[in-house]
Amino acid sequence: MPRPTKQSPERGDARTRLLEAARDLIRAKGFAGCSVDDLCQAAGVTKGAFFHQFASKEGLGVAAAEYWAETTSAFFAAAPYQANKDPLHRVLAYIDFRKEIIAGDLAEFTCLVGTMTQEVYATSPTIRDACAASIFGHAKTVEADIAAAMEARGMERDWTAASLARHLQTVIQGAFVLAKAANDPDIARESIDHLKRYVVFLFSNTAPVEEQHTSAERGQ
């Protein structure tokens, strides 16, 4: 995932610096654990600059979720797994990539919007909805590949591409929570390994439609 910035606080405009500070501090300390003063200090801006950009801390939370969605969308769109031609291979490579980027401190690989959702789902509907848009929006990108893989293999199941895409995110977000509980990134990695095994099982004994046709023509 996008890493905490190591740049000087003078770089970038005040809004961007505050959003990057929020991204980094909230993953490390939680939304409630970050005061406006903490955010201003990390961003290298005054409190006046903060309130010039955001009406409240809640307003920053909403903007941070939207910024997360924007930056992570670009991050995943440029990821190597996108080069796979077969959609199922893309899905499996996506899962591998999610494991690969579990690196560094917990705050460096865990999910900003997942962290905020756990804290504010009942107290700030506006932040919760912005986080939901990010999580479910990302699931949609994986859903497209799952649907294409099912179509290519002529699969008809009692589950949908959308439900499997959401399940992937459920496991990944849950893996982050358990990694935090154990203070051990390996807990998250083992969950991702099981997730891949599950997806492989779901698609086992299937082949792309064109391969099925070839086998039928050969009497196989």
Protein backbone atom coordinates (compact mmCIF):
# COMPACT_ATOMS: atom_id res chain seq x y z
CA MET A 1 0.00 0.00 0.00
CA PRO A 2 1.12 3.62 -0.30
CA ARG A 3 3.85 4.08 2.26
CA PRO A 4 4.15 6.84 4.85
CA THR A 5 5.87 9.86 3.32
CA LYS A 6 9.48 10.61 4.16
CA GLN A 7 9.44 14.01 2.49
CA SER A 8 10.04 17.35 4.18
CA PRO A 9 6.93 19.16 5.45
CA GLU A 10 7.57 22.04 3.05
CA ARG A 11 6.88 19.93 -0.01
CA GLY A 12 3.38 20.07 -1.56
CA ASP A 13 0.39 22.24 -0.77
CA ALA A 14 -1.20 22.41 2.68
CA ARG A 15 -4.20 20.25 1.75
CA THR A 16 -2.06 17.45 0.32
CA ARG A 17 0.32 17.54 3.28
CA LEU A 18 -2.60 17.28 5.69
CA LEU A 19 -4.12 14.37 3.76
CA GLU A 20 -0.79 12.54 3.73
CA ALA A 21 -0.32 13.23 7.43
CA ALA A 22 -3.80 11.85 8.08
CA ARG A 23 -3.07 8.77 5.98
CA ASP A 24 0.07 8.02 7.97
CA LEU A 25 -0.97 9.01 11.49
CA ILE A 26 -4.43 7.43 11.44
CA ARG A 27 -2.98 4.09 10.36
CA ALA A 28 -0.46 4.33 13.20
CA LYS A 29 -2.60 5.83 15.99
CA GLY A 30 -6.24 5.55 14.90
CA PHE A 31 -8.63 8.36 14.06
CA ALA A 32 -9.45 9.18 17.69
CA GLY A 33 -5.77 9.05 18.60
CA CYS A 34 -4.84 11.87 16.22
CA SER A 35 -5.61 15.40 17.29
CA VAL A 36 -5.78 18.36 14.94
CA ASP A 37 -2.55 19.56 16.55
CA ASP A 38 -0.89 16.21 15.77
CA LEU A 39 -1.98 16.42 12.15
CA CYS A 40 -0.82 20.00 11.78
CA GLN A 41 2.56 19.22 13.30
CA ALA A 42 3.07 16.20 11.02
CA ALA A 43 2.02 18.20 7.95
CA GLY A 44 4.05 21.25 8.92
CA VAL A 45 1.09 23.63 8.74
CA THR A 46 -0.67 25.94 11.18
CA LYS A 47 -4.04 25.22 12.75
CA GLY A 48 -5.38 28.17 10.78
CA ALA A 49 -4.26 26.43 7.58
CA PHE A 50 -6.03 23.27 8.71
CA PHE A 51 -9.36 25.02 9.21
CA HIS A 52 -8.91 26.90 5.97
CA GLN A 53 -8.88 23.52 4.20
CA PHE A 54 -11.33 21.55 6.36
CA ALA A 55 -14.32 22.67 8.43
CA SER A 56 -13.62 20.01 11.04
CA LYS A 57 -11.61 16.92 11.83
CA GLU A 58 -14.53 14.89 10.52
CA GLY A 59 -14.27 16.78 7.23
CA LEU A 60 -10.61 15.80 7.07
CA GLY A 61 -11.59 12.17 7.72
CA VAL A 62 -13.95 12.17 4.75
CA ALA A 63 -11.35 13.81 2.52
CA ALA A 64 -8.67 11.36 3.71
CA ALA A 65 -10.88 8.40 2.74
CA GLU A 66 -11.44 9.92 -0.70
CA TYR A 67 -7.72 10.64 -1.10
CA TRP A 68 -6.97 7.04 -0.11
CA ALA A 69 -9.40 5.76 -2.74
CA GLU A 70 -7.80 7.94 -5.40
CA THR A 71 -4.18 7.08 -4.61
CA THR A 72 -4.71 3.36 -4.05
CA SER A 73 -6.72 3.08 -7.28
CA ALA A 74 -3.71 4.39 -9.17
CA PHE A 75 -1.40 2.11 -7.16
CA PHE A 76 -3.33 -1.05 -8.04
CA ALA A 77 -3.99 -0.01 -11.64
CA ALA A 78 -0.23 0.14 -12.19
CA ALA A 79 0.54 -3.10 -10.32
CA PRO A 80 2.31 -5.95 -12.18
CA TYR A 81 -0.59 -8.41 -11.83
CA GLN A 82 -2.58 -6.33 -14.30
CA ALA A 83 -0.37 -7.65 -17.13
CA ASN A 84 -1.81 -11.19 -16.87
CA LYS A 85 -3.94 -11.99 -19.92
CA ASP A 86 -6.15 -14.62 -18.30
CA PRO A 87 -8.61 -13.03 -15.85
CA LEU A 88 -8.31 -15.87 -13.34
CA HIS A 89 -4.55 -15.51 -13.40
CA ARG A 90 -5.06 -11.80 -12.73
CA VAL A 91 -7.22 -12.58 -9.71
CA LEU A 92 -4.68 -15.03 -8.30
CA ALA A 93 -1.82 -12.63 -9.04
CA TYR A 94 -3.81 -9.88 -7.30
CA ILE A 95 -3.98 -12.05 -4.20
CA ASP A 96 -0.24 -12.72 -4.44
CA PHE A 97 0.34 -8.98 -4.76
CA ARG A 98 -1.74 -8.29 -1.65
CA LYS A 99 0.56 -10.66 0.25
CA GLU A 100 3.68 -9.15 -1.31
CA ILE A 101 2.86 -5.64 -0.08
CA ILE A 102 2.46 -6.79 3.52
CA ALA A 103 5.83 -5.38 4.46
CA GLY A 104 7.28 -3.00 7.00
CA ASP A 105 5.51 -1.76 10.10
CA LEU A 106 1.82 -2.47 10.63
CA ALA A 107 0.96 1.14 9.85
CA GLU A 108 2.74 0.88 6.51
CA PHE A 109 0.61 -1.90 5.02
CA THR A 110 -2.73 -1.77 6.83
CA CYS A 111 -5.74 -0.03 5.35
CA LEU A 112 -6.63 3.55 6.24
CA VAL A 113 -10.33 3.20 5.43
CA GLY A 114 -10.57 -0.15 7.21
CA THR A 115 -9.01 1.41 10.30
CA MET A 116 -11.39 4.38 10.28
CA THR A 117 -14.44 2.21 9.61
CA GLN A 118 -13.81 0.14 12.73
CA GLU A 119 -13.65 3.28 14.83
CA VAL A 120 -16.34 5.58 13.48
CA TYR A 121 -18.99 3.40 11.80
CA ALA A 122 -21.54 4.29 14.49
CA THR A 123 -20.42 7.83 15.32
CA SER A 124 -19.66 9.39 11.95
CA PRO A 125 -21.89 8.22 9.08
CA THR A 126 -20.17 10.61 6.67
CA ILE A 127 -16.72 9.10 7.27
CA ARG A 128 -18.20 5.59 7.28
CA ASP A 129 -19.83 6.18 3.89
CA ALA A 130 -16.62 7.59 2.42
CA CYS A 131 -14.73 4.53 3.68
CA ALA A 132 -17.40 2.21 2.26
CA ALA A 133 -17.11 3.89 -1.14
CA SER A 134 -13.38 3.23 -1.10
CA ILE A 135 -13.59 -0.42 0.03
CA PHE A 136 -16.47 -1.43 -2.22
CA GLY A 137 -15.08 0.60 -5.11
CA HIS A 138 -11.86 -1.38 -4.91
CA ALA A 139 -13.83 -4.65 -4.70
CA LYS A 140 -15.54 -3.69 -7.97
CA THR A 141 -12.20 -3.70 -9.80
CA VAL A 142 -11.54 -7.29 -8.70
CA GLU A 143 -15.16 -8.24 -9.40
CA ALA A 144 -14.67 -7.46 -13.10
CA ASP A 145 -11.82 -9.99 -13.35
CA ILE A 146 -13.72 -12.62 -11.37
CA ALA A 147 -16.74 -12.21 -13.66
CA ALA A 148 -14.54 -12.51 -16.74
CA ALA A 149 -12.89 -15.65 -15.33
CA MET A 150 -16.28 -17.22 -14.65
CA GLU A 151 -17.51 -16.40 -18.14
CA ALA A 152 -14.37 -17.71 -19.83
CA ARG A 153 -14.82 -21.02 -18.01
CA GLY A 154 -18.58 -21.26 -18.52
CA MET A 155 -19.14 -21.32 -14.78
CA GLU A 156 -22.59 -21.16 -13.23
CA ARG A 157 -22.53 -21.11 -9.44
CA ASP A 158 -24.79 -20.24 -6.54
CA TRP A 159 -22.44 -17.35 -5.75
CA THR A 160 -21.67 -14.24 -7.76
CA ALA A 161 -18.53 -12.42 -8.82
CA ALA A 162 -19.62 -9.51 -6.65
CA SER A 163 -19.98 -11.70 -3.55
CA LEU A 164 -16.55 -13.28 -4.07
CA ALA A 165 -14.95 -9.87 -4.61
CA ARG A 166 -16.44 -8.70 -1.32
CA HIS A 167 -15.24 -11.87 0.40
CA LEU A 168 -11.69 -11.18 -0.75
CA GLN A 169 -11.86 -7.78 0.92
CA THR A 170 -13.41 -9.31 4.04
CA VAL A 171 -10.47 -11.69 4.42
CA ILE A 172 -7.88 -9.02 3.69
CA GLN A 173 -9.38 -6.52 6.15
CA GLY A 174 -9.74 -9.26 8.76
CA ALA A 175 -6.14 -10.28 8.21
CA PHE A 176 -5.06 -6.74 9.03
CA VAL A 177 -7.06 -6.79 12.27
CA LEU A 178 -5.51 -10.09 13.38
CA ALA A 179 -2.03 -8.89 12.44
CA LYS A 180 -2.60 -5.87 14.68
CA ALA A 181 -3.93 -8.04 17.50
CA ALA A 182 -0.89 -10.31 17.35
CA ASN A 183 1.52 -7.53 16.34
CA ASP A 184 2.69 -9.96 13.70
CA PRO A 185 2.47 -9.39 9.91
CA ASP A 186 2.87 -13.13 9.32
CA ILE A 187 -0.67 -13.63 10.62
CA ALA A 188 -1.91 -11.53 7.71
CA ARG A 189 0.28 -13.37 5.21
CA GLU A 190 -1.02 -16.79 6.25
CA SER A 191 -4.60 -15.56 5.82
CA ILE A 192 -3.80 -14.40 2.29
CA ASP A 193 -2.31 -17.82 1.55
CA HIS A 194 -5.55 -19.49 2.66
CA LEU A 195 -7.53 -17.03 0.58
CA LYS A 196 -5.62 -18.01 -2.54
CA ARG A 197 -6.16 -21.71 -1.83
CA TYR A 198 -9.89 -21.03 -1.51
CA VAL A 199 -10.10 -19.20 -4.84
CA VAL A 200 -8.08 -21.93 -6.56
CA PHE A 201 -10.51 -24.50 -5.13
CA LEU A 202 -13.55 -22.55 -6.39
CA PHE A 203 -12.14 -22.54 -9.92
CA SER A 204 -10.73 -26.08 -9.84
CA ASN A 205 -11.73 -28.51 -12.60
CA THR A 206 -12.58 -25.65 -14.93
CA ALA A 207 -10.91 -24.43 -18.07
CA PRO A 208 -11.46 -21.49 -20.41
CA VAL A 209 -14.41 -22.02 -22.74
CA GLU A 210 -12.17 -22.26 -25.81
CA GLU A 211 -10.20 -25.08 -24.14
CA GLN A 212 -13.44 -26.88 -23.26
CA HIS A 213 -14.54 -26.66 -26.89
CA THR A 214 -11.21 -28.03 -28.09
CA SER A 215 -11.46 -30.98 -25.72
CA ALA A 216 -15.02 -31.74 -26.84
CA GLU A 217 -14.00 -31.69 -30.48
CA ARG A 218 -11.27 -34.20 -29.70
CA GLY A 219 -13.75 -36.46 -27.92
CA GLN A 220 -12.04 -35.84 -24.58
